[in-house]
Amino acid sequence: MLEKKFADIDKKFENVLNKNKVKLENAQIKPIHEKFLFAQNGITGLIAPPGSGKTFTYLKMAAQQQELDEKNPFYELVVICSTSGQFDQTVNSFKDIIKKSKLVCIKDTELLDWIKKYQRRVLKYNAINEYINSKFKDPNEEMQRILEKKHFRNKQKEIEYISKKLQSYDWKTYPHRCLLILDDFASHPLLKNREQDMCRILKKLRHFNISVVH
């Protein structure tokens, strides 16, 4: 009797795994490609003294990931965070090679707020895409919150809202992936204590398809 109940549970788990296979695979930490062994959703540390070419290395990585797929870059967004909040001379020299991905710079003091805002955008973006993929029949918790908040009068109004929202995002890939580069963060105050907000957030970024290089 117990064996049968366990077998039923195994079957239920297998059904859920099969239903969410793509979503679960996208959240895994694993090599992106056999010829590009950086990990998706992972944290990669480039350990080298100043002036040894770390910036050059991560820029080349950002350029290479664009070619893993013929149509779209793996990371649609590449974010460089630095204390200056500006691209340095090395980045300015090579940034034109990175054409498929959007390349932006963020100041370190604005990073936490930027990540939190980006996470909220990703939650909504994913909820909308999952809802579309279910043929507008199976809203997840985030999508249910949106529907309850908006009180659409009919399906047409709902579809119009979704269409406008996706246009405002102007993202071409799903899932939308971000490569976050923390430039010269080895001794940065944000990472000094593992109990700080930044350290706690870094552990959860994989759920938002954010890979980190520092």
N, C-alpha and C. Protein backbone atom coordinates (compact mmCIF):
# COMPACT_ATOMS: atom_id res chain seq x y z
N MET A 1 0.83 -1.21 0.00
CA MET A 1 0.00 0.00 0.00
C MET A 1 0.86 1.27 0.00
N LEU A 2 1.88 1.29 0.90
CA LEU A 2 2.75 2.45 0.98
C LEU A 2 3.56 2.62 -0.31
N GLU A 3 4.00 1.48 -0.89
CA GLU A 3 4.75 1.55 -2.14
C GLU A 3 3.92 2.20 -3.25
N LYS A 4 2.63 1.87 -3.28
CA LYS A 4 1.75 2.45 -4.30
C LYS A 4 1.60 3.96 -4.10
N LYS A 5 1.48 4.38 -2.83
CA LYS A 5 1.35 5.82 -2.55
C LYS A 5 2.62 6.56 -2.95
N PHE A 6 3.77 5.94 -2.63
CA PHE A 6 5.05 6.56 -3.02
C PHE A 6 5.18 6.63 -4.54
N ALA A 7 4.72 5.58 -5.23
CA ALA A 7 4.77 5.57 -6.69
C ALA A 7 3.89 6.67 -7.28
N ASP A 8 2.73 6.89 -6.65
CA ASP A 8 1.84 7.97 -7.10
C ASP A 8 2.50 9.33 -6.92
N ILE A 9 3.20 9.49 -5.79
CA ILE A 9 3.91 10.75 -5.53
C ILE A 9 5.02 10.95 -6.56
N ASP A 10 5.76 9.86 -6.85
CA ASP A 10 6.82 9.94 -7.86
C ASP A 10 6.25 10.39 -9.21
N LYS A 11 5.09 9.85 -9.55
CA LYS A 11 4.47 10.20 -10.83
C LYS A 11 4.06 11.67 -10.85
N LYS A 12 3.51 12.14 -9.74
CA LYS A 12 3.10 13.55 -9.66
C LYS A 12 4.30 14.48 -9.80
N PHE A 13 5.40 14.12 -9.12
CA PHE A 13 6.61 14.93 -9.21
C PHE A 13 7.15 14.93 -10.64
N GLU A 14 7.10 13.76 -11.28
CA GLU A 14 7.59 13.65 -12.65
C GLU A 14 6.75 14.50 -13.60
N ASN A 15 5.44 14.51 -13.38
CA ASN A 15 4.56 15.32 -14.22
C ASN A 15 4.86 16.81 -14.08
N VAL A 16 5.10 17.24 -12.83
CA VAL A 16 5.43 18.65 -12.58
C VAL A 16 6.77 19.00 -13.22
N LEU A 17 7.75 18.08 -13.10
CA LEU A 17 9.06 18.31 -13.70
C LEU A 17 8.95 18.45 -15.22
N ASN A 18 8.17 17.57 -15.83
CA ASN A 18 8.00 17.62 -17.28
C ASN A 18 7.29 18.90 -17.72
N LYS A 19 6.31 19.32 -16.94
CA LYS A 19 5.55 20.53 -17.27
C LYS A 19 6.43 21.78 -17.18
N ASN A 20 7.36 21.76 -16.21
CA ASN A 20 8.20 22.95 -15.97
C ASN A 20 9.65 22.73 -16.38
N LYS A 21 9.87 21.79 -17.30
CA LYS A 21 11.23 21.41 -17.67
C LYS A 21 12.06 22.59 -18.15
N VAL A 22 11.52 23.37 -19.07
CA VAL A 22 12.28 24.50 -19.64
C VAL A 22 12.58 25.53 -18.57
N LYS A 23 11.58 25.86 -17.76
CA LYS A 23 11.77 26.86 -16.71
C LYS A 23 12.84 26.41 -15.71
N LEU A 24 12.81 25.15 -15.32
CA LEU A 24 13.78 24.64 -14.36
C LEU A 24 15.19 24.61 -14.96
N GLU A 25 15.29 24.24 -16.23
CA GLU A 25 16.60 24.22 -16.90
C GLU A 25 17.17 25.63 -17.02
N ASN A 26 16.31 26.60 -17.29
CA ASN A 26 16.78 27.98 -17.41
C ASN A 26 17.30 28.54 -16.09
N ALA A 27 16.85 27.97 -14.97
CA ALA A 27 17.27 28.45 -13.65
C ALA A 27 18.49 27.70 -13.12
N GLN A 28 18.94 26.68 -13.83
CA GLN A 28 20.09 25.90 -13.37
C GLN A 28 21.40 26.67 -13.52
N ILE A 29 22.35 26.31 -12.66
CA ILE A 29 23.72 26.82 -12.81
C ILE A 29 24.50 25.75 -13.56
N LYS A 30 24.85 26.02 -14.79
CA LYS A 30 25.54 25.03 -15.62
C LYS A 30 26.28 25.75 -16.74
N PRO A 31 27.27 25.08 -17.36
CA PRO A 31 27.98 25.72 -18.48
C PRO A 31 27.00 26.12 -19.58
N ILE A 32 27.24 27.27 -20.16
CA ILE A 32 26.34 27.78 -21.19
C ILE A 32 26.47 27.00 -22.49
N HIS A 33 27.71 26.64 -22.84
CA HIS A 33 27.98 25.98 -24.12
C HIS A 33 29.28 25.21 -23.98
N GLU A 34 29.43 24.14 -24.74
CA GLU A 34 30.65 23.32 -24.64
C GLU A 34 31.90 24.09 -25.03
N LYS A 35 31.76 25.14 -25.81
CA LYS A 35 32.90 25.97 -26.20
C LYS A 35 32.93 27.31 -25.46
N PHE A 36 32.00 27.46 -24.52
CA PHE A 36 31.91 28.70 -23.74
C PHE A 36 31.51 28.29 -22.32
N LEU A 37 32.50 27.97 -21.51
CA LEU A 37 32.26 27.25 -20.26
C LEU A 37 31.92 28.13 -19.06
N PHE A 38 31.65 29.39 -19.29
CA PHE A 38 31.13 30.19 -18.19
C PHE A 38 29.74 29.68 -17.82
N ALA A 39 29.38 29.78 -16.55
CA ALA A 39 28.11 29.21 -16.10
C ALA A 39 26.96 30.20 -16.23
N GLN A 40 25.84 29.71 -16.77
CA GLN A 40 24.64 30.54 -16.75
C GLN A 40 24.14 30.62 -15.32
N ASN A 41 23.68 31.79 -14.91
CA ASN A 41 23.14 32.03 -13.57
C ASN A 41 24.17 31.87 -12.46
N GLY A 42 25.43 31.76 -12.81
CA GLY A 42 26.46 31.55 -11.80
C GLY A 42 27.20 32.83 -11.45
N ILE A 43 28.18 32.68 -10.55
CA ILE A 43 29.05 33.78 -10.16
C ILE A 43 30.48 33.39 -10.52
N THR A 44 31.11 34.15 -11.39
CA THR A 44 32.46 33.87 -11.86
C THR A 44 33.41 34.93 -11.31
N GLY A 45 34.47 34.48 -10.66
CA GLY A 45 35.46 35.41 -10.13
C GLY A 45 36.71 35.45 -11.00
N LEU A 46 37.09 36.63 -11.44
CA LEU A 46 38.34 36.81 -12.19
C LEU A 46 39.39 37.34 -11.20
N ILE A 47 40.32 36.48 -10.82
CA ILE A 47 41.30 36.83 -9.80
C ILE A 47 42.63 37.16 -10.47
N ALA A 48 43.03 38.42 -10.38
CA ALA A 48 44.29 38.87 -10.98
C ALA A 48 44.61 40.26 -10.44
N PRO A 49 45.89 40.63 -10.43
CA PRO A 49 46.27 41.96 -9.92
C PRO A 49 45.81 43.07 -10.86
N PRO A 50 45.76 44.32 -10.37
CA PRO A 50 45.38 45.45 -11.23
C PRO A 50 46.27 45.55 -12.47
N GLY A 51 45.65 45.87 -13.59
CA GLY A 51 46.39 46.05 -14.83
C GLY A 51 46.74 44.78 -15.56
N SER A 52 46.14 43.65 -15.14
CA SER A 52 46.48 42.36 -15.77
C SER A 52 45.49 41.94 -16.85
N GLY A 53 44.49 42.76 -17.12
CA GLY A 53 43.60 42.46 -18.24
C GLY A 53 42.25 41.90 -17.87
N LYS A 54 41.78 42.11 -16.64
CA LYS A 54 40.46 41.59 -16.26
C LYS A 54 39.35 42.22 -17.09
N THR A 55 39.43 43.53 -17.28
CA THR A 55 38.41 44.22 -18.08
C THR A 55 38.39 43.69 -19.50
N PHE A 56 39.57 43.50 -20.09
CA PHE A 56 39.69 42.95 -21.43
C PHE A 56 39.04 41.56 -21.49
N THR A 57 39.26 40.74 -20.45
CA THR A 57 38.72 39.38 -20.42
C THR A 57 37.21 39.37 -20.37
N TYR A 58 36.62 40.18 -19.49
CA TYR A 58 35.16 40.13 -19.41
C TYR A 58 34.49 40.79 -20.61
N LEU A 59 35.17 41.74 -21.25
CA LEU A 59 34.61 42.31 -22.48
C LEU A 59 34.61 41.29 -23.61
N LYS A 60 35.68 40.51 -23.69
CA LYS A 60 35.73 39.47 -24.72
C LYS A 60 34.65 38.42 -24.45
N MET A 61 34.44 38.09 -23.19
CA MET A 61 33.38 37.16 -22.82
C MET A 61 32.02 37.71 -23.24
N ALA A 62 31.80 39.00 -22.99
CA ALA A 62 30.53 39.63 -23.37
C ALA A 62 30.33 39.62 -24.88
N ALA A 63 31.42 39.76 -25.62
CA ALA A 63 31.34 39.72 -27.09
C ALA A 63 31.09 38.30 -27.59
N GLN A 64 31.78 37.32 -27.00
CA GLN A 64 31.65 35.94 -27.45
C GLN A 64 30.24 35.38 -27.24
N GLN A 65 29.62 35.74 -26.10
CA GLN A 65 28.30 35.17 -25.81
C GLN A 65 27.25 35.59 -26.84
N GLN A 66 27.52 36.66 -27.57
CA GLN A 66 26.59 37.11 -28.60
C GLN A 66 26.48 36.12 -29.76
N GLU A 67 27.52 35.30 -29.94
CA GLU A 67 27.59 34.43 -31.11
C GLU A 67 27.17 32.99 -30.82
N LEU A 68 26.73 32.70 -29.61
CA LEU A 68 26.33 31.33 -29.27
C LEU A 68 25.06 30.91 -29.99
N ASP A 69 24.26 31.88 -30.38
CA ASP A 69 23.05 31.63 -31.14
C ASP A 69 23.06 32.55 -32.36
N GLU A 70 22.61 32.05 -33.49
CA GLU A 70 22.67 32.85 -34.72
C GLU A 70 21.75 34.07 -34.66
N LYS A 71 20.66 33.95 -33.92
CA LYS A 71 19.65 35.01 -33.94
C LYS A 71 19.83 36.02 -32.80
N ASN A 72 19.93 35.52 -31.57
CA ASN A 72 19.95 36.41 -30.41
C ASN A 72 21.17 36.16 -29.53
N PRO A 73 21.61 37.17 -28.79
CA PRO A 73 22.69 36.95 -27.83
C PRO A 73 22.17 36.14 -26.65
N PHE A 74 23.06 35.44 -25.96
CA PHE A 74 22.63 34.71 -24.77
C PHE A 74 22.20 35.69 -23.69
N TYR A 75 23.02 36.73 -23.49
CA TYR A 75 22.69 37.80 -22.55
C TYR A 75 22.23 39.02 -23.35
N GLU A 76 20.95 39.31 -23.28
CA GLU A 76 20.46 40.48 -24.01
C GLU A 76 20.93 41.78 -23.36
N LEU A 77 21.21 41.71 -22.06
CA LEU A 77 21.65 42.89 -21.33
C LEU A 77 22.99 42.62 -20.64
N VAL A 78 23.95 43.50 -20.85
CA VAL A 78 25.25 43.42 -20.17
C VAL A 78 25.42 44.70 -19.36
N VAL A 79 25.56 44.55 -18.05
CA VAL A 79 25.65 45.69 -17.14
C VAL A 79 27.03 45.72 -16.50
N ILE A 80 27.71 46.83 -16.61
CA ILE A 80 29.00 47.01 -15.95
C ILE A 80 28.81 47.98 -14.79
N CYS A 81 29.10 47.51 -13.60
CA CYS A 81 28.97 48.34 -12.41
C CYS A 81 30.36 48.74 -11.92
N SER A 82 30.56 50.03 -11.72
CA SER A 82 31.87 50.52 -11.28
C SER A 82 31.69 51.68 -10.31
N THR A 83 32.76 52.05 -9.63
CA THR A 83 32.69 53.16 -8.68
C THR A 83 32.52 54.50 -9.39
N SER A 84 32.96 54.58 -10.63
CA SER A 84 32.86 55.85 -11.36
C SER A 84 31.49 56.05 -12.00
N GLY A 85 30.81 54.94 -12.30
CA GLY A 85 29.53 55.03 -12.99
C GLY A 85 29.68 55.36 -14.46
N GLN A 86 30.90 55.20 -14.98
CA GLN A 86 31.17 55.48 -16.39
C GLN A 86 32.04 54.37 -16.97
N PHE A 87 31.96 54.19 -18.28
CA PHE A 87 32.85 53.24 -18.94
C PHE A 87 34.28 53.77 -18.87
N ASP A 88 35.22 52.87 -18.54
CA ASP A 88 36.62 53.30 -18.52
C ASP A 88 37.19 53.25 -19.94
N GLN A 89 38.46 53.56 -20.07
CA GLN A 89 39.09 53.66 -21.39
C GLN A 89 39.06 52.33 -22.13
N THR A 90 39.28 51.23 -21.40
CA THR A 90 39.28 49.91 -22.04
C THR A 90 37.90 49.58 -22.60
N VAL A 91 36.86 49.82 -21.80
CA VAL A 91 35.50 49.54 -22.26
C VAL A 91 35.15 50.41 -23.46
N ASN A 92 35.48 51.68 -23.39
CA ASN A 92 35.18 52.58 -24.52
C ASN A 92 35.89 52.15 -25.80
N SER A 93 37.06 51.52 -25.65
CA SER A 93 37.82 51.07 -26.83
C SER A 93 37.16 49.89 -27.52
N PHE A 94 36.53 49.00 -26.73
CA PHE A 94 36.01 47.74 -27.29
C PHE A 94 34.49 47.65 -27.32
N LYS A 95 33.78 48.61 -26.77
CA LYS A 95 32.33 48.45 -26.61
C LYS A 95 31.58 48.33 -27.94
N ASP A 96 32.14 48.88 -29.03
CA ASP A 96 31.46 48.79 -30.32
C ASP A 96 31.41 47.37 -30.87
N ILE A 97 32.24 46.47 -30.31
CA ILE A 97 32.20 45.07 -30.74
C ILE A 97 30.96 44.38 -30.17
N ILE A 98 30.47 44.90 -29.06
CA ILE A 98 29.29 44.32 -28.43
C ILE A 98 28.06 45.03 -29.00
N LYS A 99 27.51 44.47 -30.06
CA LYS A 99 26.43 45.12 -30.81
C LYS A 99 25.07 44.48 -30.58
N LYS A 100 25.04 43.17 -30.37
CA LYS A 100 23.75 42.48 -30.21
C LYS A 100 23.17 42.68 -28.82
N SER A 101 24.03 42.74 -27.82
CA SER A 101 23.59 42.95 -26.44
C SER A 101 23.56 44.44 -26.13
N LYS A 102 22.66 44.83 -25.26
CA LYS A 102 22.64 46.21 -24.79
C LYS A 102 23.66 46.35 -23.67
N LEU A 103 24.56 47.31 -23.79
CA LEU A 103 25.65 47.50 -22.82
C LEU A 103 25.40 48.80 -22.05
N VAL A 104 25.27 48.68 -20.73
CA VAL A 104 25.00 49.86 -19.91
C VAL A 104 25.95 49.88 -18.71
N CYS A 105 26.09 51.06 -18.12
CA CYS A 105 26.97 51.24 -16.97
C CYS A 105 26.15 51.76 -15.79
N ILE A 106 26.45 51.24 -14.60
CA ILE A 106 25.75 51.65 -13.38
C ILE A 106 26.77 51.98 -12.31
N LYS A 107 26.51 53.01 -11.55
CA LYS A 107 27.39 53.38 -10.44
C LYS A 107 27.15 52.44 -9.26
N ASP A 108 28.21 52.11 -8.53
CA ASP A 108 28.11 51.14 -7.45
C ASP A 108 27.08 51.53 -6.38
N THR A 109 26.95 52.81 -6.10
CA THR A 109 26.01 53.25 -5.08
C THR A 109 24.55 53.08 -5.50
N GLU A 110 24.32 52.84 -6.79
CA GLU A 110 22.97 52.67 -7.31
C GLU A 110 22.64 51.21 -7.61
N LEU A 111 23.60 50.32 -7.37
CA LEU A 111 23.46 48.93 -7.80
C LEU A 111 22.30 48.21 -7.11
N LEU A 112 22.21 48.29 -5.80
CA LEU A 112 21.16 47.57 -5.07
C LEU A 112 19.77 47.99 -5.54
N ASP A 113 19.56 49.28 -5.66
CA ASP A 113 18.25 49.76 -6.13
C ASP A 113 17.98 49.30 -7.56
N TRP A 114 19.02 49.30 -8.39
CA TRP A 114 18.85 48.86 -9.78
C TRP A 114 18.45 47.38 -9.83
N ILE A 115 19.14 46.55 -9.03
CA ILE A 115 18.85 45.11 -9.03
C ILE A 115 17.41 44.86 -8.59
N LYS A 116 16.98 45.52 -7.53
CA LYS A 116 15.62 45.31 -7.02
C LYS A 116 14.58 45.72 -8.05
N LYS A 117 14.82 46.82 -8.74
CA LYS A 117 13.89 47.27 -9.78
C LYS A 117 13.90 46.29 -10.96
N TYR A 118 15.08 45.82 -11.34
CA TYR A 118 15.20 44.87 -12.44
C TYR A 118 14.49 43.56 -12.09
N GLN A 119 14.63 43.10 -10.86
CA GLN A 119 13.97 41.87 -10.44
C GLN A 119 12.45 41.99 -10.57
N ARG A 120 11.92 43.13 -10.18
CA ARG A 120 10.46 43.33 -10.30
C ARG A 120 10.03 43.30 -11.77
N ARG A 121 10.85 43.89 -12.63
CA ARG A 121 10.53 43.89 -14.06
C ARG A 121 10.57 42.46 -14.62
N VAL A 122 11.56 41.69 -14.21
CA VAL A 122 11.68 40.31 -14.69
C VAL A 122 10.50 39.47 -14.22
N LEU A 123 10.09 39.63 -12.97
CA LEU A 123 8.93 38.89 -12.45
C LEU A 123 7.70 39.15 -13.31
N LYS A 124 7.46 40.41 -13.62
CA LYS A 124 6.29 40.76 -14.42
C LYS A 124 6.44 40.27 -15.86
N TYR A 125 7.62 40.43 -16.41
CA TYR A 125 7.88 39.99 -17.79
C TYR A 125 7.69 38.48 -17.92
N ASN A 126 8.24 37.71 -16.97
CA ASN A 126 8.09 36.26 -17.00
C ASN A 126 6.64 35.84 -16.82
N ALA A 127 5.94 36.53 -15.91
CA ALA A 127 4.53 36.20 -15.67
C ALA A 127 3.70 36.40 -16.93
N ILE A 128 3.95 37.48 -17.63
CA ILE A 128 3.20 37.77 -18.86
C ILE A 128 3.50 36.73 -19.93
N ASN A 129 4.78 36.39 -20.10
CA ASN A 129 5.15 35.40 -21.12
C ASN A 129 4.60 34.02 -20.80
N GLU A 130 4.63 33.63 -19.53
CA GLU A 130 4.07 32.33 -19.15
C GLU A 130 2.56 32.31 -19.40
N TYR A 131 1.92 33.42 -19.13
CA TYR A 131 0.48 33.53 -19.35
C TYR A 131 0.15 33.41 -20.84
N ILE A 132 0.94 34.07 -21.66
CA ILE A 132 0.75 33.97 -23.12
C ILE A 132 0.97 32.53 -23.58
N ASN A 133 2.03 31.90 -23.08
CA ASN A 133 2.34 30.52 -23.48
C ASN A 133 1.27 29.53 -23.04
N SER A 134 0.51 29.88 -22.00
CA SER A 134 -0.59 29.01 -21.56
C SER A 134 -1.89 29.34 -22.29
N LYS A 135 -1.78 30.17 -23.34
CA LYS A 135 -2.93 30.62 -24.12
C LYS A 135 -3.93 31.39 -23.25
N PHE A 136 -3.38 32.18 -22.33
CA PHE A 136 -4.16 33.07 -21.45
C PHE A 136 -5.10 32.29 -20.53
N LYS A 137 -4.69 31.08 -20.15
CA LYS A 137 -5.57 30.24 -19.33
C LYS A 137 -5.01 29.97 -17.93
N ASP A 138 -3.71 30.11 -17.75
CA ASP A 138 -3.10 29.67 -16.49
C ASP A 138 -2.18 30.76 -15.92
N PRO A 139 -2.72 31.81 -15.33
CA PRO A 139 -1.88 32.87 -14.76
C PRO A 139 -1.18 32.40 -13.49
N ASN A 140 0.10 32.72 -13.37
CA ASN A 140 0.79 32.39 -12.11
C ASN A 140 0.43 33.45 -11.07
N GLU A 141 1.05 33.36 -9.89
CA GLU A 141 0.69 34.25 -8.79
C GLU A 141 0.89 35.73 -9.15
N GLU A 142 2.01 36.02 -9.80
CA GLU A 142 2.29 37.40 -10.18
C GLU A 142 1.28 37.90 -11.21
N MET A 143 0.94 37.05 -12.17
CA MET A 143 -0.03 37.46 -13.19
C MET A 143 -1.42 37.63 -12.59
N GLN A 144 -1.77 36.80 -11.64
CA GLN A 144 -3.06 36.95 -10.96
C GLN A 144 -3.13 38.30 -10.24
N ARG A 145 -2.02 38.69 -9.64
CA ARG A 145 -1.96 39.99 -8.96
C ARG A 145 -2.19 41.13 -9.95
N ILE A 146 -1.57 41.01 -11.14
CA ILE A 146 -1.74 42.04 -12.17
C ILE A 146 -3.20 42.11 -12.63
N LEU A 147 -3.80 40.94 -12.87
CA LEU A 147 -5.18 40.90 -13.36
C LEU A 147 -6.15 41.47 -12.33
N GLU A 148 -5.91 41.15 -11.06
CA GLU A 148 -6.78 41.65 -9.99
C GLU A 148 -6.63 43.16 -9.83
N LYS A 149 -5.42 43.64 -10.02
CA LYS A 149 -5.17 45.08 -9.86
C LYS A 149 -5.78 45.89 -11.00
N LYS A 150 -5.71 45.35 -12.22
CA LYS A 150 -6.15 46.11 -13.40
C LYS A 150 -7.66 46.03 -13.65
N HIS A 151 -8.30 44.94 -13.23
CA HIS A 151 -9.75 44.78 -13.43
C HIS A 151 -10.16 45.03 -14.88
N PHE A 152 -9.60 44.26 -15.79
CA PHE A 152 -9.92 44.44 -17.21
C PHE A 152 -11.39 44.12 -17.47
N ARG A 153 -12.03 44.94 -18.28
CA ARG A 153 -13.46 44.75 -18.56
C ARG A 153 -13.70 43.54 -19.45
N ASN A 154 -12.75 43.25 -20.32
CA ASN A 154 -12.90 42.11 -21.21
C ASN A 154 -11.51 41.63 -21.65
N LYS A 155 -11.52 40.54 -22.40
CA LYS A 155 -10.26 39.93 -22.83
C LYS A 155 -9.48 40.85 -23.76
N GLN A 156 -10.18 41.61 -24.57
CA GLN A 156 -9.51 42.51 -25.50
C GLN A 156 -8.68 43.55 -24.75
N LYS A 157 -9.23 44.11 -23.68
CA LYS A 157 -8.50 45.09 -22.87
C LYS A 157 -7.28 44.45 -22.22
N GLU A 158 -7.44 43.23 -21.80
CA GLU A 158 -6.34 42.49 -21.19
C GLU A 158 -5.20 42.30 -22.19
N ILE A 159 -5.54 41.88 -23.40
CA ILE A 159 -4.53 41.66 -24.44
C ILE A 159 -3.85 42.97 -24.83
N GLU A 160 -4.62 44.04 -24.90
CA GLU A 160 -4.04 45.35 -25.22
C GLU A 160 -3.02 45.78 -24.17
N TYR A 161 -3.36 45.56 -22.91
CA TYR A 161 -2.43 45.90 -21.82
C TYR A 161 -1.14 45.09 -21.94
N ILE A 162 -1.28 43.77 -22.17
CA ILE A 162 -0.12 42.90 -22.28
C ILE A 162 0.76 43.31 -23.45
N SER A 163 0.13 43.63 -24.58
CA SER A 163 0.89 44.04 -25.76
C SER A 163 1.67 45.32 -25.50
N LYS A 164 1.03 46.31 -24.89
CA LYS A 164 1.71 47.57 -24.59
C LYS A 164 2.83 47.38 -23.57
N LYS A 165 2.59 46.52 -22.60
CA LYS A 165 3.60 46.27 -21.57
C LYS A 165 4.84 45.63 -22.18
N LEU A 166 4.66 44.65 -23.06
CA LEU A 166 5.80 44.01 -23.71
C LEU A 166 6.54 44.99 -24.62
N GLN A 167 5.81 45.86 -25.28
CA GLN A 167 6.46 46.89 -26.11
C GLN A 167 7.30 47.82 -25.26
N SER A 168 6.81 48.15 -24.07
CA SER A 168 7.56 49.06 -23.20
C SER A 168 8.84 48.42 -22.69
N TYR A 169 8.82 47.09 -22.53
CA TYR A 169 10.04 46.40 -22.11
C TYR A 169 11.09 46.45 -23.22
N ASP A 170 10.64 46.26 -24.45
CA ASP A 170 11.54 46.23 -25.60
C ASP A 170 12.62 45.16 -25.44
N TRP A 171 12.23 44.01 -24.88
CA TRP A 171 13.13 42.86 -24.75
C TRP A 171 12.78 41.86 -25.84
N LYS A 172 13.80 41.30 -26.46
CA LYS A 172 13.56 40.39 -27.59
C LYS A 172 13.65 38.92 -27.20
N THR A 173 14.23 38.62 -26.05
CA THR A 173 14.46 37.23 -25.67
C THR A 173 13.63 36.84 -24.45
N TYR A 174 13.28 35.56 -24.40
CA TYR A 174 12.61 34.99 -23.22
C TYR A 174 13.18 33.60 -22.98
N PRO A 175 13.76 33.33 -21.82
CA PRO A 175 13.91 34.27 -20.71
C PRO A 175 14.90 35.38 -21.04
N HIS A 176 14.70 36.53 -20.43
CA HIS A 176 15.61 37.65 -20.60
C HIS A 176 16.77 37.46 -19.63
N ARG A 177 17.99 37.42 -20.18
CA ARG A 177 19.17 37.15 -19.34
C ARG A 177 20.05 38.39 -19.24
N CYS A 178 20.67 38.53 -18.08
CA CYS A 178 21.54 39.67 -17.82
C CYS A 178 22.90 39.19 -17.35
N LEU A 179 23.95 39.78 -17.90
CA LEU A 179 25.32 39.56 -17.42
C LEU A 179 25.72 40.79 -16.62
N LEU A 180 25.90 40.61 -15.32
CA LEU A 180 26.25 41.71 -14.42
C LEU A 180 27.74 41.63 -14.10
N ILE A 181 28.48 42.64 -14.52
CA ILE A 181 29.93 42.68 -14.30
C ILE A 181 30.23 43.68 -13.19
N LEU A 182 30.80 43.17 -12.10
CA LEU A 182 31.17 44.02 -10.96
C LEU A 182 32.65 44.34 -11.10
N ASP A 183 32.94 45.51 -11.60
CA ASP A 183 34.31 45.88 -11.94
C ASP A 183 35.09 46.30 -10.70
N ASP A 184 36.20 45.57 -10.42
CA ASP A 184 37.06 45.87 -9.26
C ASP A 184 36.27 45.87 -7.95
N PHE A 185 35.53 44.79 -7.71
CA PHE A 185 34.72 44.68 -6.50
C PHE A 185 35.35 43.76 -5.45
N ALA A 186 36.60 43.37 -5.64
CA ALA A 186 37.22 42.40 -4.73
C ALA A 186 37.17 42.84 -3.28
N SER A 187 37.42 44.11 -3.01
CA SER A 187 37.39 44.61 -1.63
C SER A 187 36.32 45.68 -1.45
N HIS A 188 35.29 45.59 -2.25
CA HIS A 188 34.24 46.61 -2.21
C HIS A 188 33.40 46.47 -0.93
N PRO A 189 33.00 47.58 -0.32
CA PRO A 189 32.19 47.53 0.91
C PRO A 189 30.90 46.73 0.78
N LEU A 190 30.31 46.69 -0.42
CA LEU A 190 29.06 45.94 -0.62
C LEU A 190 29.24 44.44 -0.42
N LEU A 191 30.50 43.96 -0.56
CA LEU A 191 30.75 42.52 -0.48
C LEU A 191 31.61 42.13 0.72
N LYS A 192 31.80 43.04 1.65
CA LYS A 192 32.69 42.76 2.77
C LYS A 192 32.10 41.76 3.76
N ASN A 193 30.79 41.81 3.95
CA ASN A 193 30.12 40.96 4.93
C ASN A 193 29.04 40.15 4.24
N ARG A 194 29.07 38.84 4.42
CA ARG A 194 28.11 37.99 3.72
C ARG A 194 26.67 38.19 4.20
N GLU A 195 26.50 38.91 5.32
CA GLU A 195 25.16 39.20 5.82
C GLU A 195 24.60 40.49 5.24
N GLN A 196 25.40 41.20 4.45
CA GLN A 196 24.91 42.43 3.84
C GLN A 196 23.92 42.12 2.73
N ASP A 197 23.08 43.12 2.42
CA ASP A 197 22.03 42.93 1.41
C ASP A 197 22.58 42.42 0.09
N MET A 198 23.69 43.00 -0.35
CA MET A 198 24.24 42.64 -1.65
C MET A 198 24.65 41.17 -1.69
N CYS A 199 25.29 40.70 -0.64
CA CYS A 199 25.72 39.30 -0.60
C CYS A 199 24.53 38.35 -0.60
N ARG A 200 23.48 38.71 0.12
CA ARG A 200 22.28 37.87 0.15
C ARG A 200 21.60 37.85 -1.22
N ILE A 201 21.55 39.01 -1.86
CA ILE A 201 20.90 39.10 -3.18
C ILE A 201 21.67 38.29 -4.22
N LEU A 202 23.00 38.33 -4.16
CA LEU A 202 23.82 37.61 -5.14
C LEU A 202 23.48 36.12 -5.17
N LYS A 203 23.12 35.56 -4.01
CA LYS A 203 22.81 34.13 -3.94
C LYS A 203 21.51 33.78 -4.65
N LYS A 204 20.67 34.77 -4.89
CA LYS A 204 19.35 34.51 -5.46
C LYS A 204 19.19 35.00 -6.90
N LEU A 205 20.25 35.58 -7.44
CA LEU A 205 20.12 36.17 -8.77
C LEU A 205 19.84 35.15 -9.86
N ARG A 206 20.20 33.89 -9.62
CA ARG A 206 19.97 32.87 -10.65
C ARG A 206 18.48 32.71 -10.96
N HIS A 207 17.64 33.00 -9.97
CA HIS A 207 16.19 32.89 -10.20
C HIS A 207 15.68 33.96 -11.15
N PHE A 208 16.53 34.94 -11.43
CA PHE A 208 16.16 36.01 -12.36
C PHE A 208 17.05 35.98 -13.61
N ASN A 209 17.75 34.85 -13.81
CA ASN A 209 18.62 34.65 -14.98
C ASN A 209 19.69 35.72 -15.09
N ILE A 210 20.28 36.06 -13.94
CA ILE A 210 21.38 37.01 -13.89
C ILE A 210 22.66 36.26 -13.56
N SER A 211 23.66 36.39 -14.42
CA SER A 211 24.99 35.83 -14.16
C SER A 211 25.91 36.97 -13.73
N VAL A 212 26.83 36.66 -12.81
CA VAL A 212 27.69 37.70 -12.25
C VAL A 212 29.15 37.37 -12.53
N VAL A 213 29.90 38.38 -12.94
CA VAL A 213 31.35 38.29 -13.08
C VAL A 213 31.96 39.39 -12.24
N HIS A 214 32.95 39.02 -11.42
CA HIS A 214 33.60 40.07 -10.62
C HIS A 214 35.07 39.73 -10.42
